[in-house]
Amino acid sequence: MDDQTTRLNRIEEKLDKVSEAIVSLARMEERMITLFKRMDNYDDHHRALDGRVTKVEISTASGAWVERVVFILITAAISGSIYFGK
């Protein structure tokens, strides 16, 4: 009888360890799910920011030639007034 009791105690201890391991795995899985959700949110935010930056780049690039032409005209006007003002 004593042999069976010790054997049952060992089995119970092993079952307790297995249940602790299962609980630990479940907690780890919940953490991973939370991290994956966070990463998805970061990806969505990054895509939105990337789209906004692209729009700003396009609008800046299209207005850059106007700015250059204005600076050339201002420079030419100043140079002409200095040259012809003598």
PDB file of N, CA and C in Angstrom:
ATOM      1  N   MET A   1       0.807  -1.190   0.000  1.00  0.00           N
ATOM      2  CA  MET A   1       0.000   0.000   0.000  1.00  0.00           C
ATOM      3  C   MET A   1       0.856   1.263   0.000  1.00  0.00           C
ATOM      4  N   ASP A   2       1.959   1.199   0.726  1.00  0.00           N
ATOM      5  CA  ASP A   2       2.851   2.346   0.820  1.00  0.00           C
ATOM      6  C   ASP A   2       3.453   2.670  -0.544  1.00  0.00           C
ATOM      7  N   ASP A   3       3.777   1.658  -1.310  1.00  0.00           N
ATOM      8  CA  ASP A   3       4.330   1.829  -2.647  1.00  0.00           C
ATOM      9  C   ASP A   3       3.342   2.529  -3.566  1.00  0.00           C
ATOM     10  N   GLN A   4       2.096   2.156  -3.467  1.00  0.00           N
ATOM     11  CA  GLN A   4       1.067   2.780  -4.298  1.00  0.00           C
ATOM     12  C   GLN A   4       0.841   4.231  -3.901  1.00  0.00           C
ATOM     13  N   THR A   5       0.938   4.540  -2.647  1.00  0.00           N
ATOM     14  CA  THR A   5       0.747   5.907  -2.167  1.00  0.00           C
ATOM     15  C   THR A   5       1.856   6.820  -2.681  1.00  0.00           C
ATOM     16  N   THR A   6       3.078   6.354  -2.596  1.00  0.00           N
ATOM     17  CA  THR A   6       4.197   7.162  -3.104  1.00  0.00           C
ATOM     18  C   THR A   6       4.099   7.339  -4.607  1.00  0.00           C
ATOM     19  N   ARG A   7       3.675   6.294  -5.268  1.00  0.00           N
ATOM     20  CA  ARG A   7       3.516   6.377  -6.723  1.00  0.00           C
ATOM     21  C   ARG A   7       2.432   7.387  -7.088  1.00  0.00           C
ATOM     22  N   LEU A   8       1.305   7.352  -6.381  1.00  0.00           N
ATOM     23  CA  LEU A   8       0.224   8.314  -6.615  1.00  0.00           C
ATOM     24  C   LEU A   8       0.667   9.741  -6.291  1.00  0.00           C
ATOM     25  N   ASN A   9       1.458   9.892  -5.258  1.00  0.00           N
ATOM     26  CA  ASN A   9       1.984  11.219  -4.907  1.00  0.00           C
ATOM     27  C   ASN A   9       2.876  11.767  -6.009  1.00  0.00           C
ATOM     28  N   ARG A  10       3.728  10.913  -6.569  1.00  0.00           N
ATOM     29  CA  ARG A  10       4.591  11.335  -7.683  1.00  0.00           C
ATOM     30  C   ARG A  10       3.762  11.720  -8.897  1.00  0.00           C
ATOM     31  N   ILE A  11       2.734  10.944  -9.184  1.00  0.00           N
ATOM     32  CA  ILE A  11       1.864  11.241 -10.326  1.00  0.00           C
ATOM     33  C   ILE A  11       1.149  12.579 -10.104  1.00  0.00           C
ATOM     34  N   GLU A  12       0.678  12.798  -8.870  1.00  0.00           N
ATOM     35  CA  GLU A  12       0.006  14.062  -8.554  1.00  0.00           C
ATOM     36  C   GLU A  12       0.966  15.240  -8.697  1.00  0.00           C
ATOM     37  N   GLU A  13       2.201  15.072  -8.251  1.00  0.00           N
ATOM     38  CA  GLU A  13       3.201  16.133  -8.380  1.00  0.00           C
ATOM     39  C   GLU A  13       3.477  16.442  -9.843  1.00  0.00           C
ATOM     40  N   LYS A  14       3.584  15.399 -10.640  1.00  0.00           N
ATOM     41  CA  LYS A  14       3.821  15.605 -12.072  1.00  0.00           C
ATOM     42  C   LYS A  14       2.634  16.292 -12.731  1.00  0.00           C
ATOM     43  N   LEU A  15       1.435  15.897 -12.333  1.00  0.00           N
ATOM     44  CA  LEU A  15       0.242  16.556 -12.872  1.00  0.00           C
ATOM     45  C   LEU A  15       0.189  18.021 -12.459  1.00  0.00           C
ATOM     46  N   ASP A  16       0.591  18.333 -11.243  1.00  0.00           N
ATOM     47  CA  ASP A  16       0.648  19.720 -10.792  1.00  0.00           C
ATOM     48  C   ASP A  16       1.647  20.521 -11.624  1.00  0.00           C
ATOM     49  N   LYS A  17       2.809  19.917 -11.898  1.00  0.00           N
ATOM     50  CA  LYS A  17       3.804  20.598 -12.729  1.00  0.00           C
ATOM     51  C   LYS A  17       3.286  20.815 -14.148  1.00  0.00           C
ATOM     52  N   VAL A  18       2.597  19.820 -14.683  1.00  0.00           N
ATOM     53  CA  VAL A  18       2.035  19.948 -16.029  1.00  0.00           C
ATOM     54  C   VAL A  18       0.984  21.057 -16.066  1.00  0.00           C
ATOM     55  N   SER A  19       0.145  21.122 -15.045  1.00  0.00           N
ATOM     56  CA  SER A  19      -0.884  22.167 -15.011  1.00  0.00           C
ATOM     57  C   SER A  19      -0.244  23.545 -14.870  1.00  0.00           C
ATOM     58  N   GLU A  20       0.836  23.650 -14.074  1.00  0.00           N
ATOM     59  CA  GLU A  20       1.558  24.920 -13.964  1.00  0.00           C
ATOM     60  C   GLU A  20       2.173  25.315 -15.301  1.00  0.00           C
ATOM     61  N   ALA A  21       2.708  24.332 -16.011  1.00  0.00           N
ATOM     62  CA  ALA A  21       3.295  24.614 -17.326  1.00  0.00           C
ATOM     63  C   ALA A  21       2.226  25.073 -18.312  1.00  0.00           C
ATOM     64  N   ILE A  22       1.056  24.461 -18.261  1.00  0.00           N
ATOM     65  CA  ILE A  22      -0.031  24.854 -19.161  1.00  0.00           C
ATOM     66  C   ILE A  22      -0.479  26.279 -18.855  1.00  0.00           C
ATOM     67  N   VAL A  23      -0.593  26.619 -17.584  1.00  0.00           N
ATOM     68  CA  VAL A  23      -0.967  27.985 -17.198  1.00  0.00           C
ATOM     69  C   VAL A  23       0.098  28.975 -17.664  1.00  0.00           C
ATOM     70  N   SER A  24       1.352  28.605 -17.502  1.00  0.00           N
ATOM     71  CA  SER A  24       2.442  29.469 -17.944  1.00  0.00           C
ATOM     72  C   SER A  24       2.401  29.675 -19.454  1.00  0.00           C
ATOM     73  N   LEU A  25       2.151  28.616 -20.204  1.00  0.00           N
ATOM     74  CA  LEU A  25       2.034  28.730 -21.660  1.00  0.00           C
ATOM     75  C   LEU A  25       0.855  29.612 -22.058  1.00  0.00           C
ATOM     76  N   ALA A  26      -0.251  29.498 -21.339  1.00  0.00           N
ATOM     77  CA  ALA A  26      -1.418  30.332 -21.636  1.00  0.00           C
ATOM     78  C   ALA A  26      -1.101  31.805 -21.389  1.00  0.00           C
ATOM     79  N   ARG A  27      -0.389  32.098 -20.306  1.00  0.00           N
ATOM     80  CA  ARG A  27       0.009  33.489 -20.038  1.00  0.00           C
ATOM     81  C   ARG A  27       0.931  34.010 -21.122  1.00  0.00           C
ATOM     82  N   MET A  28       1.882  33.177 -21.536  1.00  0.00           N
ATOM     83  CA  MET A  28       2.814  33.586 -22.586  1.00  0.00           C
ATOM     84  C   MET A  28       2.065  33.844 -23.889  1.00  0.00           C
ATOM     85  N   GLU A  29       1.086  33.012 -24.192  1.00  0.00           N
ATOM     86  CA  GLU A  29       0.301  33.194 -25.406  1.00  0.00           C
ATOM     87  C   GLU A  29      -0.468  34.507 -25.358  1.00  0.00           C
ATOM     88  N   GLU A  30      -1.027  34.842 -24.216  1.00  0.00           N
ATOM     89  CA  GLU A  30      -1.746  36.116 -24.076  1.00  0.00           C
ATOM     90  C   GLU A  30      -0.803  37.295 -24.279  1.00  0.00           C
ATOM     91  N   ARG A  31       0.407  37.206 -23.732  1.00  0.00           N
ATOM     92  CA  ARG A  31       1.398  38.268 -23.932  1.00  0.00           C
ATOM     93  C   ARG A  31       1.753  38.413 -25.406  1.00  0.00           C
ATOM     94  N   MET A  32       1.931  37.275 -26.071  1.00  0.00           N
ATOM     95  CA  MET A  32       2.278  37.315 -27.490  1.00  0.00           C
ATOM     96  C   MET A  32       1.140  37.928 -28.309  1.00  0.00           C
ATOM     97  N   ILE A  33      -0.096  37.580 -27.973  1.00  0.00           N
ATOM     98  CA  ILE A  33      -1.238  38.154 -28.680  1.00  0.00           C
ATOM     99  C   ILE A  33      -1.265  39.663 -28.489  1.00  0.00           C
ATOM    100  N   THR A  34      -1.005  40.107 -27.270  1.00  0.00           N
ATOM    101  CA  THR A  34      -0.969  41.542 -26.994  1.00  0.00           C
ATOM    102  C   THR A  34       0.130  42.217 -27.795  1.00  0.00           C
ATOM    103  N   LEU A  35       1.306  41.603 -27.836  1.00  0.00           N
ATOM    104  CA  LEU A  35       2.417  42.184 -28.606  1.00  0.00           C
ATOM    105  C   LEU A  35       2.102  42.223 -30.099  1.00  0.00           C
ATOM    106  N   PHE A  36       1.480  41.174 -30.624  1.00  0.00           N
ATOM    107  CA  PHE A  36       1.135  41.164 -32.045  1.00  0.00           C
ATOM    108  C   PHE A  36       0.110  42.239 -32.368  1.00  0.00           C
ATOM    109  N   LYS A  37      -0.848  42.458 -31.462  1.00  0.00           N
ATOM    110  CA  LYS A  37      -1.824  43.523 -31.680  1.00  0.00           C
ATOM    111  C   LYS A  37      -1.142  44.885 -31.682  1.00  0.00           C
ATOM    112  N   ARG A  38      -0.196  45.060 -30.758  1.00  0.00           N
ATOM    113  CA  ARG A  38       0.550  46.314 -30.707  1.00  0.00           C
ATOM    114  C   ARG A  38       1.351  46.531 -31.982  1.00  0.00           C
ATOM    115  N   MET A  39       1.982  45.471 -32.458  1.00  0.00           N
ATOM    116  CA  MET A  39       2.758  45.579 -33.691  1.00  0.00           C
ATOM    117  C   MET A  39       1.853  45.918 -34.871  1.00  0.00           C
ATOM    118  N   ASP A  40       0.667  45.344 -34.928  1.00  0.00           N
ATOM    119  CA  ASP A  40      -0.279  45.680 -35.985  1.00  0.00           C
ATOM    120  C   ASP A  40      -0.673  47.148 -35.918  1.00  0.00           C
ATOM    121  N   ASN A  41      -0.896  47.657 -34.701  1.00  0.00           N
ATOM    122  CA  ASN A  41      -1.219  49.072 -34.546  1.00  0.00           C
ATOM    123  C   ASN A  41      -0.063  49.956 -35.012  1.00  0.00           C
ATOM    124  N   TYR A  42       1.169  49.568 -34.661  1.00  0.00           N
ATOM    125  CA  TYR A  42       2.335  50.326 -35.113  1.00  0.00           C
ATOM    126  C   TYR A  42       2.450  50.299 -36.635  1.00  0.00           C
ATOM    127  N   ASP A  43       2.195  49.149 -37.236  1.00  0.00           N
ATOM    128  CA  ASP A  43       2.243  49.047 -38.695  1.00  0.00           C
ATOM    129  C   ASP A  43       1.196  49.944 -39.347  1.00  0.00           C
ATOM    130  N   ASP A  44      -0.021  49.939 -38.811  1.00  0.00           N
ATOM    131  CA  ASP A  44      -1.075  50.797 -39.358  1.00  0.00           C
ATOM    132  C   ASP A  44      -0.694  52.267 -39.227  1.00  0.00           C
ATOM    133  N   HIS A  45      -0.167  52.632 -38.073  1.00  0.00           N
ATOM    134  CA  HIS A  45       0.248  54.014 -37.851  1.00  0.00           C
ATOM    135  C   HIS A  45       1.382  54.401 -38.799  1.00  0.00           C
ATOM    136  N   HIS A  46       2.324  53.486 -38.990  1.00  0.00           N
ATOM    137  CA  HIS A  46       3.445  53.750 -39.893  1.00  0.00           C
ATOM    138  C   HIS A  46       2.957  53.937 -41.323  1.00  0.00           C
ATOM    139  N   ARG A  47       2.015  53.108 -41.758  1.00  0.00           N
ATOM    140  CA  ARG A  47       1.469  53.249 -43.108  1.00  0.00           C
ATOM    141  C   ARG A  47       0.780  54.597 -43.281  1.00  0.00           C
ATOM    142  N   ALA A  48       0.036  55.013 -42.266  1.00  0.00           N
ATOM    143  CA  ALA A  48      -0.648  56.304 -42.338  1.00  0.00           C
ATOM    144  C   ALA A  48       0.366  57.448 -42.411  1.00  0.00           C
ATOM    145  N   LEU A  49       1.400  57.374 -41.590  1.00  0.00           N
ATOM    146  CA  LEU A  49       2.432  58.415 -41.627  1.00  0.00           C
ATOM    147  C   LEU A  49       3.188  58.411 -42.951  1.00  0.00           C
ATOM    148  N   ASP A  50       3.449  57.233 -43.476  1.00  0.00           N
ATOM    149  CA  ASP A  50       4.139  57.131 -44.759  1.00  0.00           C
ATOM    150  C   ASP A  50       3.314  57.774 -45.870  1.00  0.00           C
ATOM    151  N   GLY A  51       2.009  57.554 -45.831  1.00  0.00           N
ATOM    152  CA  GLY A  51       1.131  58.187 -46.815  1.00  0.00           C
ATOM    153  C   GLY A  51       1.138  59.696 -46.692  1.00  0.00           C
ATOM    154  N   ARG A  52       1.121  60.185 -45.457  1.00  0.00           N
ATOM    155  CA  ARG A  52       1.152  61.636 -45.254  1.00  0.00           C
ATOM    156  C   ARG A  52       2.474  62.234 -45.728  1.00  0.00           C
ATOM    157  N   VAL A  53       3.583  61.560 -45.442  1.00  0.00           N
ATOM    158  CA  VAL A  53       4.894  62.054 -45.875  1.00  0.00           C
ATOM    159  C   VAL A  53       4.971  62.072 -47.398  1.00  0.00           C
ATOM    160  N   THR A  54       4.427  61.050 -48.027  1.00  0.00           N
ATOM    161  CA  THR A  54       4.428  61.009 -49.491  1.00  0.00           C
ATOM    162  C   THR A  54       3.644  62.183 -50.070  1.00  0.00           C
ATOM    163  N   LYS A  55       2.504  62.487 -49.481  1.00  0.00           N
ATOM    164  CA  LYS A  55       1.716  63.637 -49.949  1.00  0.00           C
ATOM    165  C   LYS A  55       2.488  64.940 -49.786  1.00  0.00           C
ATOM    166  N   VAL A  56       3.175  65.096 -48.657  1.00  0.00           N
ATOM    167  CA  VAL A  56       3.968  66.305 -48.426  1.00  0.00           C
ATOM    168  C   VAL A  56       5.117  66.384 -49.424  1.00  0.00           C
ATOM    169  N   GLU A  57       5.770  65.264 -49.693  1.00  0.00           N
ATOM    170  CA  GLU A  57       6.862  65.257 -50.661  1.00  0.00           C
ATOM    171  C   GLU A  57       6.372  65.654 -52.043  1.00  0.00           C
ATOM    172  N   ILE A  58       5.219  65.131 -52.431  1.00  0.00           N
ATOM    173  CA  ILE A  58       4.676  65.443 -53.755  1.00  0.00           C
ATOM    174  C   ILE A  58       4.327  66.923 -53.847  1.00  0.00           C
ATOM    175  N   SER A  59       3.667  67.444 -52.825  1.00  0.00           N
ATOM    176  CA  SER A  59       3.283  68.855 -52.875  1.00  0.00           C
ATOM    177  C   SER A  59       4.505  69.762 -52.819  1.00  0.00           C
ATOM    178  N   THR A  60       5.529  69.366 -52.068  1.00  0.00           N
ATOM    179  CA  THR A  60       6.748  70.163 -51.991  1.00  0.00           C
ATOM    180  C   THR A  60       7.510  70.128 -53.313  1.00  0.00           C
ATOM    181  N   ALA A  61       7.582  68.968 -53.912  1.00  0.00           N
ATOM    182  CA  ALA A  61       8.309  68.839 -55.177  1.00  0.00           C
ATOM    183  C   ALA A  61       7.619  69.630 -56.286  1.00  0.00           C
ATOM    184  N   SER A  62       6.298  69.655 -56.281  1.00  0.00           N
ATOM    185  CA  SER A  62       5.593  70.382 -57.343  1.00  0.00           C
ATOM    186  C   SER A  62       5.714  71.887 -57.153  1.00  0.00           C
ATOM    187  N   GLY A  63       5.890  72.370 -55.938  1.00  0.00           N
ATOM    188  CA  GLY A  63       6.019  73.807 -55.697  1.00  0.00           C
ATOM    189  C   GLY A  63       7.451  74.288 -55.725  1.00  0.00           C
ATOM    190  N   ALA A  64       8.416  73.392 -55.790  1.00  0.00           N
ATOM    191  CA  ALA A  64       9.824  73.778 -55.739  1.00  0.00           C
ATOM    192  C   ALA A  64      10.240  74.568 -56.972  1.00  0.00           C
ATOM    193  N   TRP A  65       9.742  74.225 -58.135  1.00  0.00           N
ATOM    194  CA  TRP A  65      10.149  74.943 -59.341  1.00  0.00           C
ATOM    195  C   TRP A  65       9.617  76.374 -59.319  1.00  0.00           C
ATOM    196  N   VAL A  66       8.451  76.590 -58.745  1.00  0.00           N
ATOM    197  CA  VAL A  66       7.904  77.945 -58.638  1.00  0.00           C
ATOM    198  C   VAL A  66       8.806  78.780 -57.738  1.00  0.00           C
ATOM    199  N   GLU A  67       9.242  78.204 -56.652  1.00  0.00           N
ATOM    200  CA  GLU A  67      10.121  78.910 -55.730  1.00  0.00           C
ATOM    201  C   GLU A  67      11.441  79.278 -56.406  1.00  0.00           C
ATOM    202  N   ARG A  68      11.992  78.373 -57.177  1.00  0.00           N
ATOM    203  CA  ARG A  68      13.250  78.653 -57.880  1.00  0.00           C
ATOM    204  C   ARG A  68      13.079  79.768 -58.896  1.00  0.00           C
ATOM    205  N   VAL A  69      11.975  79.745 -59.635  1.00  0.00           N
ATOM    206  CA  VAL A  69      11.734  80.793 -60.630  1.00  0.00           C
ATOM    207  C   VAL A  69      11.593  82.145 -59.949  1.00  0.00           C
ATOM    208  N   VAL A  70      10.905  82.201 -58.834  1.00  0.00           N
ATOM    209  CA  VAL A  70      10.745  83.460 -58.097  1.00  0.00           C
ATOM    210  C   VAL A  70      12.100  83.969 -57.622  1.00  0.00           C
ATOM    211  N   PHE A  71      12.936  83.084 -57.068  1.00  0.00           N
ATOM    212  CA  PHE A  71      14.263  83.510 -56.623  1.00  0.00           C
ATOM    213  C   PHE A  71      15.118  83.994 -57.800  1.00  0.00           C
ATOM    214  N   ILE A  72      15.029  83.343 -58.930  1.00  0.00           N
ATOM    215  CA  ILE A  72      15.784  83.782 -60.115  1.00  0.00           C
ATOM    216  C   ILE A  72      15.314  85.158 -60.549  1.00  0.00           C
ATOM    217  N   LEU A  73      14.005  85.389 -60.571  1.00  0.00           N
ATOM    218  CA  LEU A  73      13.482  86.700 -60.968  1.00  0.00           C
ATOM    219  C   LEU A  73      13.879  87.789 -59.975  1.00  0.00           C
ATOM    220  N   ILE A  74      13.832  87.479 -58.688  1.00  0.00           N
ATOM    221  CA  ILE A  74      14.241  88.475 -57.684  1.00  0.00           C
ATOM    222  C   ILE A  74      15.720  88.792 -57.819  1.00  0.00           C
ATOM    223  N   THR A  75      16.537  87.752 -58.017  1.00  0.00           N
ATOM    224  CA  THR A  75      17.977  87.955 -58.198  1.00  0.00           C
ATOM    225  C   THR A  75      18.254  88.771 -59.446  1.00  0.00           C
ATOM    226  N   ALA A  76      17.549  88.462 -60.528  1.00  0.00           N
ATOM    227  CA  ALA A  76      17.733  89.218 -61.769  1.00  0.00           C
ATOM    228  C   ALA A  76      17.304  90.670 -61.582  1.00  0.00           C
ATOM    229  N   ALA A  77      16.236  90.923 -60.865  1.00  0.00           N
ATOM    230  CA  ALA A  77      15.772  92.289 -60.636  1.00  0.00           C
ATOM    231  C   ALA A  77      16.780  93.064 -59.795  1.00  0.00           C
ATOM    232  N   ILE A  78      17.297  92.438 -58.751  1.00  0.00           N
ATOM    233  CA  ILE A  78      18.293  93.126 -57.915  1.00  0.00           C
ATOM    234  C   ILE A  78      19.568  93.383 -58.701  1.00  0.00           C
ATOM    235  N   SER A  79      20.020  92.367 -59.442  1.00  0.00           N
ATOM    236  CA  SER A  79      21.241  92.536 -60.244  1.00  0.00           C
ATOM    237  C   SER A  79      21.044  93.606 -61.306  1.00  0.00           C
ATOM    238  N   GLY A  80      19.873  93.599 -61.957  1.00  0.00           N
ATOM    239  CA  GLY A  80      19.597  94.611 -62.983  1.00  0.00           C
ATOM    240  C   GLY A  80      19.526  95.994 -62.404  1.00  0.00           C
ATOM    241  N   SER A  81      18.939  96.150 -61.228  1.00  0.00           N
ATOM    242  CA  SER A  81      18.842  97.493 -60.639  1.00  0.00           C
ATOM    243  C   SER A  81      20.214  97.984 -60.209  1.00  0.00           C
ATOM    244  N   ILE A  82      21.074  97.088 -59.765  1.00  0.00           N
ATOM    245  CA  ILE A  82      22.437  97.507 -59.389  1.00  0.00           C
ATOM    246  C   ILE A  82      23.240  97.851 -60.641  1.00  0.00           C
ATOM    247  N   TYR A  83      23.134  97.000 -61.663  1.00  0.00           N
ATOM    248  CA  TYR A  83      23.907  97.216 -62.883  1.00  0.00           C
ATOM    249  C   TYR A  83      23.443  98.444 -63.637  1.00  0.00           C
ATOM    250  N   PHE A  84      22.123  98.611 -63.793  1.00  0.00           N
ATOM    251  CA  PHE A  84      21.605  99.742 -64.555  1.00  0.00           C
ATOM    252  C   PHE A  84      21.446 100.996 -63.690  1.00  0.00           C
ATOM    253  N   GLY A  85      21.570 100.838 -62.405  1.00  0.00           N
ATOM    254  CA  GLY A  85      21.427 101.981 -61.521  1.00  0.00           C
ATOM    255  C   GLY A  85      22.664 102.847 -61.472  1.00  0.00           C
ATOM    256  N   LYS A  86      23.752 102.375 -61.978  1.00  0.00           N
ATOM    257  CA  LYS A  86      25.006 103.139 -61.946  1.00  0.00           C
ATOM    258  C   LYS A  86      24.947 104.286 -62.833  1.00  0.00           C
TER     259      LYS A  86
END
